[in-house]
Amino acid sequence: MKQLLFVVLAIFLIGCAAEQPAQEPAPTAPAQQTQENPNLVETPQPEVVKPSTTTTAQTRTGKTHYFVMTIDDDGFDPPVLTVPWSERIKLTLTNEDSKEHSFDIAELKLAYTLKAKETVVIDFIPTQKGGFKIDDRFSEDDGELIVGGET
């Protein structure tokens, strides 16, 4: 009987040691925009990342740059977005319209369709410098992504 009690106690202790307490997510400070570029967000935003948007390429400095953009019937806001070259970009894109819109940059192999009122975080590292047309297949209003400019 003592051996059975000892085995049950040992199994219980091993089980307790294997469990790890759940960790609370660290609170994040509210995002603030810089004076130089009002679309550059200084602090990370909670993200909704589609699995296909994650990239593992190396960056020049290891920094991540956060940007915010919206799209609606009037086009992209801002219409021109300037990002650094060869740095990780996390672009929070929100469709503020009641119909679908898209964010397509053929040269950078970025293609996203956003349902009405949907928000996505596009995580990418631009490996080419230059100006790139941001095409919305559902509208005639296009935007532009400038890679390699000052942010």
Protein backbone atom coordinates (compact mmCIF):
# COMPACT_ATOMS: atom_id res chain seq x y z
CA MET A 1 0.00 0.00 0.00
CA LYS A 2 2.85 2.41 0.79
CA GLN A 3 4.45 1.61 -2.56
CA LEU A 4 1.23 2.41 -4.40
CA LEU A 5 0.90 5.70 -2.51
CA PHE A 6 4.54 6.51 -3.32
CA VAL A 7 4.00 5.80 -7.08
CA VAL A 8 0.85 7.96 -7.19
CA LEU A 9 2.65 10.80 -5.38
CA ALA A 10 5.66 10.54 -7.72
CA ILE A 11 3.43 10.65 -10.81
CA PHE A 12 1.60 13.68 -9.40
CA LEU A 13 4.86 15.55 -8.69
CA ILE A 14 6.28 14.77 -12.13
CA GLY A 15 3.07 16.02 -13.74
CA CYS A 16 3.18 19.25 -11.73
CA ALA A 17 6.83 19.84 -12.60
CA ALA A 18 6.11 19.37 -16.32
CA GLU A 19 3.36 22.00 -16.34
CA GLN A 20 4.50 25.56 -16.91
CA PRO A 21 2.41 28.48 -15.76
CA ALA A 22 0.73 30.54 -18.48
CA GLN A 23 2.56 33.79 -19.12
CA GLU A 24 0.70 37.05 -19.36
CA PRO A 25 1.48 39.01 -22.55
CA ALA A 26 3.59 42.05 -21.87
CA PRO A 27 1.61 45.27 -22.05
CA THR A 28 2.49 47.43 -25.03
CA ALA A 29 2.67 51.17 -25.07
CA PRO A 30 0.28 52.98 -27.36
CA ALA A 31 1.66 53.52 -30.85
CA GLN A 32 3.05 56.95 -31.58
CA GLN A 33 3.84 58.47 -34.93
CA THR A 34 7.03 60.35 -35.66
CA GLN A 35 7.21 63.99 -36.70
CA GLU A 36 9.22 63.22 -39.87
CA ASN A 37 6.94 60.47 -41.21
CA PRO A 38 3.42 60.35 -39.72
CA ASN A 39 2.90 56.85 -41.17
CA LEU A 40 5.90 55.33 -39.36
CA VAL A 41 4.74 53.80 -36.10
CA GLU A 42 7.34 53.68 -33.34
CA THR A 43 5.93 50.88 -31.18
CA PRO A 44 4.65 47.44 -32.25
CA GLN A 45 0.94 46.95 -32.88
CA PRO A 46 -0.95 43.75 -32.07
CA GLU A 47 -0.84 41.83 -35.30
CA VAL A 48 -3.09 39.66 -37.37
CA VAL A 49 -0.53 37.99 -39.59
CA LYS A 50 -1.59 35.60 -42.30
CA PRO A 51 0.77 32.58 -42.37
CA SER A 52 1.95 33.37 -45.90
CA THR A 53 3.14 36.88 -44.90
CA THR A 54 5.96 35.79 -42.60
CA THR A 55 9.47 36.05 -44.00
CA THR A 56 12.79 34.86 -42.59
CA ALA A 57 15.26 36.76 -44.79
CA GLN A 58 18.12 38.68 -43.19
CA THR A 59 17.90 42.46 -42.80
CA ARG A 60 20.66 45.04 -42.87
CA THR A 61 20.25 46.13 -39.24
CA GLY A 62 17.79 43.64 -37.77
CA LYS A 63 15.26 46.42 -37.15
CA THR A 64 11.55 46.17 -37.86
CA HIS A 65 9.72 49.23 -39.17
CA TYR A 66 5.97 49.59 -38.58
CA PHE A 67 3.68 51.43 -40.98
CA VAL A 68 -0.07 52.05 -41.18
CA MET A 69 -2.09 52.38 -44.37
CA THR A 70 -5.81 52.38 -45.15
CA ILE A 71 -7.77 51.77 -48.32
CA ASP A 72 -11.29 52.75 -49.28
CA ASP A 73 -13.23 53.94 -52.33
CA ASP A 74 -10.92 56.98 -52.60
CA GLY A 75 -7.76 54.85 -52.77
CA PHE A 76 -4.81 54.30 -50.47
CA ASP A 77 -4.05 56.62 -47.55
CA PRO A 78 -1.31 57.66 -47.70
CA PRO A 79 -1.14 57.33 -51.49
CA VAL A 80 2.67 57.11 -51.39
CA LEU A 81 4.49 55.11 -48.72
CA THR A 82 8.28 55.36 -48.33
CA VAL A 83 10.06 52.44 -46.63
CA PRO A 84 13.72 51.54 -46.09
CA TRP A 85 15.41 49.00 -48.34
CA SER A 86 16.38 45.56 -46.97
CA GLU A 87 14.68 46.11 -43.61
CA ARG A 88 11.72 44.18 -42.18
CA ILE A 89 8.47 46.03 -42.81
CA LYS A 90 5.24 45.35 -40.96
CA LEU A 91 2.48 47.23 -42.72
CA THR A 92 -0.91 47.30 -40.99
CA LEU A 93 -3.40 47.67 -43.84
CA THR A 94 -7.07 48.31 -43.12
CA ASN A 95 -9.89 48.20 -45.66
CA GLU A 96 -12.27 50.87 -44.40
CA ASP A 97 -14.73 50.27 -47.24
CA SER A 98 -17.85 48.10 -47.47
CA LYS A 99 -16.43 46.20 -50.47
CA GLU A 100 -13.27 44.23 -51.25
CA HIS A 101 -9.97 45.89 -52.14
CA SER A 102 -6.54 44.52 -52.93
CA PHE A 103 -2.91 45.39 -52.28
CA ASP A 104 -0.75 44.04 -55.11
CA ILE A 105 2.87 44.82 -55.94
CA ALA A 106 3.83 42.42 -58.73
CA GLU A 107 7.59 43.19 -58.64
CA LEU A 108 7.81 42.35 -54.92
CA LYS A 109 5.44 39.36 -55.19
CA LEU A 110 2.96 40.86 -52.71
CA ALA A 111 -0.72 40.13 -53.35
CA TYR A 112 -3.45 40.52 -50.72
CA THR A 113 -7.22 40.76 -51.00
CA LEU A 114 -9.00 42.40 -48.09
CA LYS A 115 -12.66 41.85 -47.41
CA ALA A 116 -14.81 44.76 -46.28
CA LYS A 117 -13.58 46.21 -42.95
CA GLU A 118 -10.69 43.67 -42.77
CA THR A 119 -7.26 44.48 -41.35
CA VAL A 120 -4.09 42.53 -42.16
CA VAL A 121 -0.44 42.94 -41.25
CA ILE A 122 1.82 42.50 -44.26
CA ASP A 123 5.27 41.37 -43.13
CA PHE A 124 7.96 41.64 -45.79
CA ILE A 125 11.54 42.68 -46.52
CA PRO A 126 11.86 44.71 -49.74
CA THR A 127 14.93 43.47 -51.58
CA GLN A 128 14.67 45.83 -54.55
CA LYS A 129 15.06 49.62 -54.47
CA GLY A 130 12.79 51.91 -56.46
CA GLY A 131 9.22 53.02 -56.90
CA PHE A 132 6.53 50.34 -57.18
CA LYS A 133 2.88 50.67 -58.15
CA ILE A 134 0.45 49.39 -55.49
CA ASP A 135 -2.43 48.04 -57.53
CA ASP A 136 -5.98 47.70 -56.24
CA ARG A 137 -7.74 45.27 -58.60
CA PHE A 138 -11.15 46.48 -57.32
CA SER A 139 -10.59 50.19 -57.89
CA GLU A 140 -8.88 52.55 -60.32
CA ASP A 141 -7.04 54.31 -57.50
CA ASP A 142 -3.52 52.98 -57.13
CA GLY A 143 -0.81 53.81 -54.64
CA GLU A 144 2.98 53.80 -54.70
CA LEU A 145 5.60 52.15 -52.51
CA ILE A 146 9.03 53.81 -52.59
CA VAL A 147 11.80 51.52 -51.34
CA GLY A 148 15.12 52.99 -50.31
CA GLY A 149 13.98 56.50 -49.52
CA GLU A 150 14.32 58.30 -46.22
CA THR A 151 11.80 57.30 -43.52
